[in-house]
Amino acid sequence: MGQRVMFLFSWLLCCSSLGFSQELTADTSAGIRYAATVTNGVLTVHIVTKDPRIQAKILNAGMDVAFDIEGDHKPQQLVQFPESRVNELFSEGRPDMNPSTMRLMGLMKANQYTLKRFLKGSGTYARTESNAAGVTLDIKLNDQDELIYDLTLPLQSLMPKKAAPDFKITSVDVSIEVNGIKPPMQTPSYEAQLPTGGRGGRGGGNAPPSSRNTGVRFGPSGPQEGFGKLAESTQTWTKVIVN
């Protein structure tokens, strides 16, 4: 019993250090943990991932968080943050690119977001710029090397354009869509170092391509070997009941 109490205490301490006390749900296939809650008319979405490959995808290929109040799993209002920078990522021409390098580059450049299909506030903004929809965003790395994404918005911003005077939002379906990093189809061949686990480093250094066995070769026909989890796109749905 004592061990269980200690485990619960440690879990609560960890959550409080993140500034979020809601229990997180894990989507193992997407590599994320998440929670969505409504408090005093404000919807909060909290996403955590420690996998450097998932972090690299979020920061460079972009992530879309969308909302549907009709229960049809059809995204209505859409928040794009971070926005995709894949073209820029590969134009860097770095033959030693790995998920940790991609992550750091993406974190430095995650400076704008786009809102779509909101009655008020749709458009593109600087990361620190406010908007008429009332959406606030933050993304950062914590001391545990986890990528933390936080989004808040007032439920009022999800109201349909033509709603009856007594219309109330009773639930919100939230979609978390992480895009895959797909290499360009027409580029000069080069090697991208992709460690098989952990944060990894520059496996092959400056060795010639023929001596590297952990990379992925890109050519006119695209990736010649599997690009693994970096190429996968994932979508996670969760429902929030509004009391």
Protein backbone atom coordinates (compact mmCIF):
# COMPACT_ATOMS: atom_id res chain seq x y z
CA MET A 1 0.00 0.00 0.00
CA GLY A 2 2.89 2.31 0.86
CA GLN A 3 4.47 1.82 -2.57
CA ARG A 4 1.18 2.70 -4.25
CA VAL A 5 0.87 5.91 -2.24
CA MET A 6 4.45 6.86 -3.13
CA PHE A 7 3.79 6.18 -6.82
CA LEU A 8 0.65 8.37 -6.74
CA PHE A 9 2.55 11.13 -4.97
CA SER A 10 5.35 10.99 -7.57
CA TRP A 11 2.83 11.10 -10.43
CA LEU A 12 1.05 14.12 -8.96
CA LEU A 13 4.37 15.86 -8.38
CA CYS A 14 5.38 15.24 -11.98
CA CYS A 15 2.07 16.59 -13.30
CA SER A 16 2.23 19.65 -11.07
CA SER A 17 5.74 20.38 -12.38
CA LEU A 18 4.22 20.50 -15.86
CA GLY A 19 1.58 22.93 -14.66
CA PHE A 20 -1.18 20.44 -15.46
CA SER A 21 -2.95 18.13 -12.99
CA GLN A 22 -5.32 16.19 -15.27
CA GLU A 23 -4.52 12.52 -15.84
CA LEU A 24 -3.08 11.98 -19.31
CA THR A 25 -4.26 9.38 -21.82
CA ALA A 26 -1.61 7.58 -23.87
CA ASP A 27 -1.89 6.94 -27.60
CA THR A 28 1.01 4.52 -28.05
CA SER A 29 0.69 4.34 -31.84
CA ALA A 30 0.95 8.13 -32.09
CA GLY A 31 3.62 8.37 -29.41
CA ILE A 32 1.82 11.05 -27.39
CA ARG A 33 0.03 11.50 -24.07
CA TYR A 34 -2.79 13.99 -23.95
CA ALA A 35 -5.74 15.44 -22.06
CA ALA A 36 -8.57 17.78 -22.98
CA THR A 37 -10.73 19.46 -20.35
CA VAL A 38 -13.28 22.24 -20.00
CA THR A 39 -13.23 24.51 -16.97
CA ASN A 40 -15.34 27.67 -16.59
CA GLY A 41 -16.12 27.74 -20.30
CA VAL A 42 -12.47 27.37 -21.39
CA LEU A 43 -11.22 24.32 -23.31
CA THR A 44 -7.65 23.23 -22.61
CA VAL A 45 -5.66 20.74 -24.70
CA HIS A 46 -2.42 19.41 -23.20
CA ILE A 47 -0.07 17.15 -25.19
CA VAL A 48 3.19 15.54 -24.06
CA THR A 49 5.75 13.43 -25.94
CA LYS A 50 9.29 12.35 -25.07
CA ASP A 51 10.10 10.43 -28.26
CA PRO A 52 12.56 12.60 -30.27
CA ARG A 53 11.11 11.25 -33.54
CA ILE A 54 7.58 12.37 -32.59
CA GLN A 55 8.96 15.69 -31.38
CA ALA A 56 10.74 16.15 -34.71
CA LYS A 57 7.50 15.44 -36.59
CA ILE A 58 5.45 17.87 -34.53
CA LEU A 59 8.00 20.67 -34.80
CA ASN A 60 8.88 20.27 -38.48
CA ALA A 61 5.99 18.53 -40.29
CA GLY A 62 3.46 20.38 -38.14
CA MET A 63 0.49 19.47 -35.95
CA ASP A 64 -3.20 20.29 -36.42
CA VAL A 65 -5.60 20.44 -33.48
CA ALA A 66 -9.22 20.59 -34.65
CA PHE A 67 -12.65 20.70 -33.01
CA ASP A 68 -16.10 19.32 -33.78
CA ILE A 69 -19.12 20.06 -31.57
CA GLU A 70 -21.51 17.94 -33.66
CA GLY A 71 -19.99 14.54 -32.79
CA ASP A 72 -19.33 13.54 -36.41
CA HIS A 73 -15.53 13.42 -36.21
CA LYS A 74 -15.42 16.03 -38.93
CA PRO A 75 -12.92 18.72 -37.94
CA GLN A 76 -14.46 22.17 -37.99
CA GLN A 77 -12.31 24.90 -36.45
CA LEU A 78 -8.61 24.19 -36.96
CA VAL A 79 -5.43 25.34 -35.20
CA GLN A 80 -2.19 24.74 -37.09
CA PHE A 81 0.76 24.99 -34.73
CA PRO A 82 3.56 24.36 -35.22
CA GLU A 83 3.21 24.85 -38.96
CA SER A 84 4.94 22.56 -41.46
CA ARG A 85 8.53 23.50 -42.32
CA VAL A 86 9.48 20.30 -44.15
CA ASN A 87 10.60 22.04 -47.34
CA GLU A 88 12.81 24.35 -45.35
CA LEU A 89 14.07 21.43 -43.28
CA PHE A 90 15.35 19.50 -46.26
CA SER A 91 16.63 22.60 -48.06
CA GLU A 92 19.17 22.90 -45.22
CA GLY A 93 21.07 20.12 -47.04
CA ARG A 94 22.30 18.51 -43.84
CA PRO A 95 23.53 14.97 -44.55
CA ASP A 96 23.78 14.22 -40.83
CA MET A 97 20.18 15.16 -40.06
CA ASN A 98 18.71 13.14 -37.18
CA PRO A 99 15.54 13.52 -35.05
CA SER A 100 17.33 15.41 -32.26
CA THR A 101 18.79 17.92 -34.73
CA MET A 102 15.40 18.23 -36.45
CA ARG A 103 13.75 18.85 -33.07
CA LEU A 104 16.08 21.67 -32.08
CA MET A 105 15.78 23.35 -35.47
CA GLY A 106 11.99 23.09 -35.36
CA LEU A 107 11.72 24.44 -31.82
CA MET A 108 13.72 27.53 -32.76
CA LYS A 109 11.49 28.19 -35.78
CA ALA A 110 8.04 27.45 -34.31
CA ASN A 111 7.14 31.13 -34.32
CA GLN A 112 3.73 31.35 -35.99
CA TYR A 113 0.33 29.67 -36.06
CA THR A 114 -2.76 29.66 -38.27
CA LEU A 115 -6.43 29.57 -37.27
CA LYS A 116 -8.97 28.34 -39.82
CA ARG A 117 -12.79 28.40 -39.98
CA PHE A 118 -13.30 30.41 -36.79
CA LEU A 119 -16.12 32.96 -36.91
CA LYS A 120 -13.67 35.52 -35.56
CA GLY A 121 -9.91 35.45 -35.62
CA SER A 122 -9.12 33.22 -38.58
CA GLY A 123 -5.70 34.05 -40.00
CA THR A 124 -1.97 33.66 -39.41
CA TYR A 125 -0.27 35.16 -36.37
CA ALA A 126 3.10 35.43 -34.70
CA ARG A 127 3.39 33.00 -31.82
CA THR A 128 3.03 35.70 -29.17
CA GLU A 129 0.31 37.62 -31.03
CA SER A 130 -3.27 37.56 -29.73
CA ASN A 131 -6.31 36.79 -31.87
CA ALA A 132 -10.05 37.48 -31.83
CA ALA A 133 -10.85 33.76 -31.32
CA GLY A 134 -9.18 33.85 -27.90
CA VAL A 135 -6.80 30.97 -28.74
CA THR A 136 -3.56 30.86 -26.73
CA LEU A 137 -0.66 28.52 -27.50
CA ASP A 138 2.62 27.42 -26.00
CA ILE A 139 5.21 24.75 -26.83
CA LYS A 140 8.44 24.01 -24.97
CA LEU A 141 10.81 21.35 -23.64
CA ASN A 142 10.76 20.63 -19.91
CA ASP A 143 13.55 19.39 -17.65
CA GLN A 144 12.64 15.76 -18.46
CA ASP A 145 13.29 16.41 -22.18
CA GLU A 146 9.56 16.14 -22.91
CA LEU A 147 7.90 18.33 -25.51
CA ILE A 148 4.91 20.09 -23.92
CA TYR A 149 2.12 21.60 -26.04
CA ASP A 150 -0.66 23.66 -24.46
CA LEU A 151 -3.69 25.22 -26.14
CA THR A 152 -6.63 27.06 -24.61
CA LEU A 153 -9.68 28.63 -26.19
CA PRO A 154 -13.12 29.77 -24.98
CA LEU A 155 -15.96 27.40 -25.88
CA GLN A 156 -17.81 30.40 -27.23
CA SER A 157 -15.38 30.49 -30.17
CA LEU A 158 -16.67 27.06 -31.30
CA MET A 159 -20.31 28.16 -31.62
CA PRO A 160 -21.81 27.58 -35.08
CA LYS A 161 -22.46 30.57 -37.32
CA LYS A 162 -26.26 30.20 -37.15
CA ALA A 163 -27.14 28.99 -33.68
CA ALA A 164 -30.47 29.20 -31.87
CA PRO A 165 -30.54 31.58 -28.89
CA ASP A 166 -30.73 28.64 -26.47
CA PHE A 167 -28.02 26.57 -28.21
CA LYS A 168 -25.45 25.07 -25.83
CA ILE A 169 -22.32 23.08 -26.50
CA THR A 170 -22.63 19.75 -24.67
CA SER A 171 -19.47 18.03 -25.95
CA VAL A 172 -16.44 18.70 -28.09
CA ASP A 173 -14.56 16.15 -30.18
CA VAL A 174 -10.89 17.10 -30.35
CA SER A 175 -8.61 15.85 -33.12
CA ILE A 176 -4.81 15.82 -32.71
CA GLU A 177 -3.17 15.22 -36.08
CA VAL A 178 0.61 14.89 -36.34
CA ASN A 179 1.99 15.02 -39.87
CA GLY A 180 4.76 12.73 -41.07
CA ILE A 181 8.08 14.06 -42.34
CA LYS A 182 8.12 12.88 -45.93
CA PRO A 183 11.29 13.66 -47.91
CA PRO A 184 10.97 15.56 -51.18
CA MET A 185 10.48 13.32 -54.21
CA GLN A 186 12.97 15.13 -56.44
CA THR A 187 16.25 15.91 -54.71
CA PRO A 188 19.91 14.99 -55.09
CA SER A 189 20.67 11.73 -53.27
CA TYR A 190 21.98 12.10 -49.75
CA GLU A 191 22.02 10.21 -46.48
CA ALA A 192 20.01 11.16 -43.39
CA GLN A 193 21.19 9.59 -40.18
CA LEU A 194 18.28 8.14 -38.19
CA PRO A 195 19.21 6.53 -34.85
CA THR A 196 17.20 3.43 -33.99
CA GLY A 197 16.50 4.46 -30.41
CA GLY A 198 16.99 7.19 -27.84
CA ARG A 199 18.17 10.62 -28.79
CA GLY A 200 21.05 9.33 -30.88
CA GLY A 201 23.80 11.31 -32.48
CA ARG A 202 25.58 11.60 -35.75
CA GLY A 203 26.05 7.86 -36.37
CA GLY A 204 28.27 8.09 -39.44
CA GLY A 205 29.90 11.48 -38.94
CA ASN A 206 31.59 12.63 -42.12
CA ALA A 207 32.21 9.14 -43.47
CA PRO A 208 31.43 8.60 -47.16
CA PRO A 209 27.90 7.36 -47.94
CA SER A 210 29.12 3.87 -48.78
CA SER A 211 30.36 3.36 -45.22
CA ARG A 212 27.11 4.37 -43.49
CA ASN A 213 24.58 1.68 -42.72
CA THR A 214 22.07 3.49 -40.51
CA GLY A 215 20.90 6.19 -42.91
CA VAL A 216 18.13 6.53 -45.43
CA ARG A 217 19.03 7.38 -49.03
CA PHE A 218 16.86 9.82 -50.94
CA GLY A 219 16.85 10.10 -54.70
CA PRO A 220 14.62 10.98 -57.65
CA SER A 221 12.16 8.26 -56.66
CA GLY A 222 11.99 9.29 -53.01
CA PRO A 223 13.16 7.23 -50.00
CA GLN A 224 14.93 4.06 -51.05
CA GLU A 225 14.55 2.50 -47.62
CA GLY A 226 11.87 2.89 -44.96
CA PHE A 227 11.67 6.30 -43.29
CA GLY A 228 10.13 4.69 -40.21
CA LYS A 229 8.03 6.59 -37.70
CA LEU A 230 9.22 9.92 -39.06
CA ALA A 231 7.14 9.38 -42.22
CA GLU A 232 3.95 8.29 -40.46
CA SER A 233 1.00 10.66 -39.97
CA THR A 234 -1.30 10.00 -37.01
CA GLN A 235 -4.68 11.29 -35.86
CA THR A 236 -5.96 10.99 -32.31
CA TRP A 237 -9.57 11.75 -31.33
CA THR A 238 -10.82 12.45 -27.82
CA LYS A 239 -14.23 13.62 -26.55
CA VAL A 240 -14.75 16.29 -23.91
CA ILE A 241 -18.10 16.36 -22.11
CA VAL A 242 -19.17 19.87 -21.14
CA ASN A 243 -21.02 19.96 -17.82
